[in-house]
Amino acid sequence: MRTLCVYKRERGLFIMRLDKFLKVSRLIKRRTLAKEVSDKGRISVNGVPAKASTNVKAGDELAIRFGQKVVSVKIDQIQETSRKDEAAEMYTILGEERIPDNDEE
């Protein structure tokens, strides 16, 4: 039986699938929702559109589109699991940008 590795060490850095990181860090509540959002092209890693299976590591920058805003986040650390009070330590919010409605133009 093959097991899915979502947390591994590569070249001295810990890496994790994007959908798993979003769930563990609590940026997105459920992993299935994180997969759907990323597969629709609403998330980019270091400026490149990313799928759920994209590997992320500390130092990567994410841009996540939530409705009418884009949240920019820098990954500070990768952990396989985290408690609710530790989740926010996994990333730093770099900024939030509102996307104007087409009606506002």
Protein backbone atom coordinates (compact mmCIF):
# COMPACT_ATOMS: atom_id res chain seq x y z
CA MET A 1 0.00 0.00 0.00
CA ARG A 2 1.35 3.44 -0.94
CA THR A 3 1.13 6.27 1.57
CA LEU A 4 0.84 9.92 0.66
CA CYS A 5 3.72 11.97 2.02
CA VAL A 6 2.65 15.55 2.59
CA TYR A 7 5.53 16.65 4.77
CA LYS A 8 9.11 15.82 3.80
CA ARG A 9 12.63 17.15 3.83
CA GLU A 10 14.25 18.17 0.55
CA ARG A 11 17.70 19.77 0.37
CA GLY A 12 17.59 20.59 4.07
CA LEU A 13 14.18 22.31 3.88
CA PHE A 14 10.83 20.93 4.91
CA ILE A 15 8.27 21.01 2.11
CA MET A 16 4.54 20.35 2.09
CA ARG A 17 1.72 20.24 -0.45
CA LEU A 18 -0.05 23.57 -0.82
CA ASP A 19 -3.49 22.24 0.14
CA LYS A 20 -2.11 20.63 3.29
CA PHE A 21 -0.25 23.83 4.29
CA LEU A 22 -3.40 25.94 3.85
CA LYS A 23 -5.33 23.57 6.13
CA VAL A 24 -2.64 23.16 8.81
CA SER A 25 -2.01 26.93 8.94
CA ARG A 26 -5.77 27.51 9.04
CA LEU A 27 -5.64 30.00 6.17
CA ILE A 28 -8.41 27.82 4.68
CA LYS A 29 -10.51 25.72 7.02
CA ARG A 30 -10.76 22.43 5.12
CA ARG A 31 -8.27 20.67 2.86
CA THR A 32 -10.91 19.84 0.27
CA LEU A 33 -11.81 23.52 0.03
CA ALA A 34 -8.11 24.43 -0.24
CA LYS A 35 -7.80 21.96 -3.12
CA GLU A 36 -10.83 23.41 -4.92
CA VAL A 37 -9.62 27.01 -4.51
CA SER A 38 -6.11 26.26 -5.73
CA ASP A 39 -7.27 24.15 -8.66
CA LYS A 40 -9.47 27.07 -9.80
CA GLY A 41 -6.34 29.25 -10.10
CA ARG A 42 -7.06 31.51 -7.12
CA ILE A 43 -3.70 30.89 -5.45
CA SER A 44 -0.22 31.69 -6.69
CA VAL A 45 3.11 30.70 -5.19
CA ASN A 46 5.93 33.17 -5.84
CA GLY A 47 3.88 34.76 -8.62
CA VAL A 48 3.11 31.50 -10.44
CA PRO A 49 -0.43 30.00 -10.44
CA ALA A 50 -0.39 26.90 -8.26
CA LYS A 51 -2.33 23.66 -8.02
CA ALA A 52 -3.12 21.81 -4.80
CA SER A 53 -0.17 19.46 -5.33
CA THR A 54 2.40 22.27 -5.59
CA ASN A 55 5.12 21.92 -2.94
CA VAL A 56 5.70 24.93 -0.68
CA LYS A 57 8.52 25.70 1.74
CA ALA A 58 9.53 28.40 4.21
CA GLY A 59 10.24 31.65 2.40
CA ASP A 60 7.63 31.15 -0.33
CA GLU A 61 5.06 33.90 -0.88
CA LEU A 62 1.42 33.06 -1.50
CA ALA A 63 -1.28 35.26 -2.99
CA ILE A 64 -4.73 33.93 -2.13
CA ARG A 65 -7.90 35.35 -3.66
CA PHE A 66 -10.80 35.37 -1.19
CA GLY A 67 -13.86 36.79 -2.95
CA GLN A 68 -13.15 40.47 -3.61
CA LYS A 69 -9.71 40.62 -1.94
CA VAL A 70 -6.26 39.14 -2.37
CA VAL A 71 -4.24 38.27 0.74
CA SER A 72 -0.45 38.06 0.41
CA VAL A 73 1.29 35.74 2.84
CA LYS A 74 4.91 34.70 3.44
CA ILE A 75 5.49 31.19 4.79
CA ASP A 76 7.68 31.33 7.90
CA GLN A 77 7.70 27.66 8.84
CA ILE A 78 6.32 24.28 7.86
CA GLN A 79 4.77 22.01 10.50
CA GLU A 80 2.92 18.76 9.96
CA THR A 81 0.30 19.70 12.55
CA SER A 82 -0.41 22.76 14.65
CA ARG A 83 -2.73 23.80 17.42
CA LYS A 84 -5.08 26.69 16.79
CA ASP A 85 -2.94 29.14 18.77
CA GLU A 86 0.25 28.05 16.90
CA ALA A 87 -1.19 28.19 13.37
CA ALA A 88 -0.65 31.94 12.90
CA GLU A 89 3.08 31.48 13.62
CA MET A 90 3.45 29.52 10.38
CA TYR A 91 3.01 32.60 8.18
CA THR A 92 3.18 36.40 8.06
CA ILE A 93 0.51 38.45 6.33
CA LEU A 94 2.27 40.82 3.93
CA GLY A 95 -0.84 42.68 2.85
CA GLU A 96 -4.41 42.66 1.67
CA GLU A 97 -5.64 44.20 -1.56
CA ARG A 98 -9.28 44.77 -2.46
CA ILE A 99 -10.29 43.84 -6.00
CA PRO A 100 -12.71 46.43 -7.39
CA ASP A 101 -16.08 45.24 -8.70
CA ASN A 102 -16.72 45.68 -12.40
CA ASP A 103 -19.70 47.88 -11.42
CA GLU A 104 -17.39 50.38 -9.66
CA GLU A 105 -15.44 51.29 -12.78
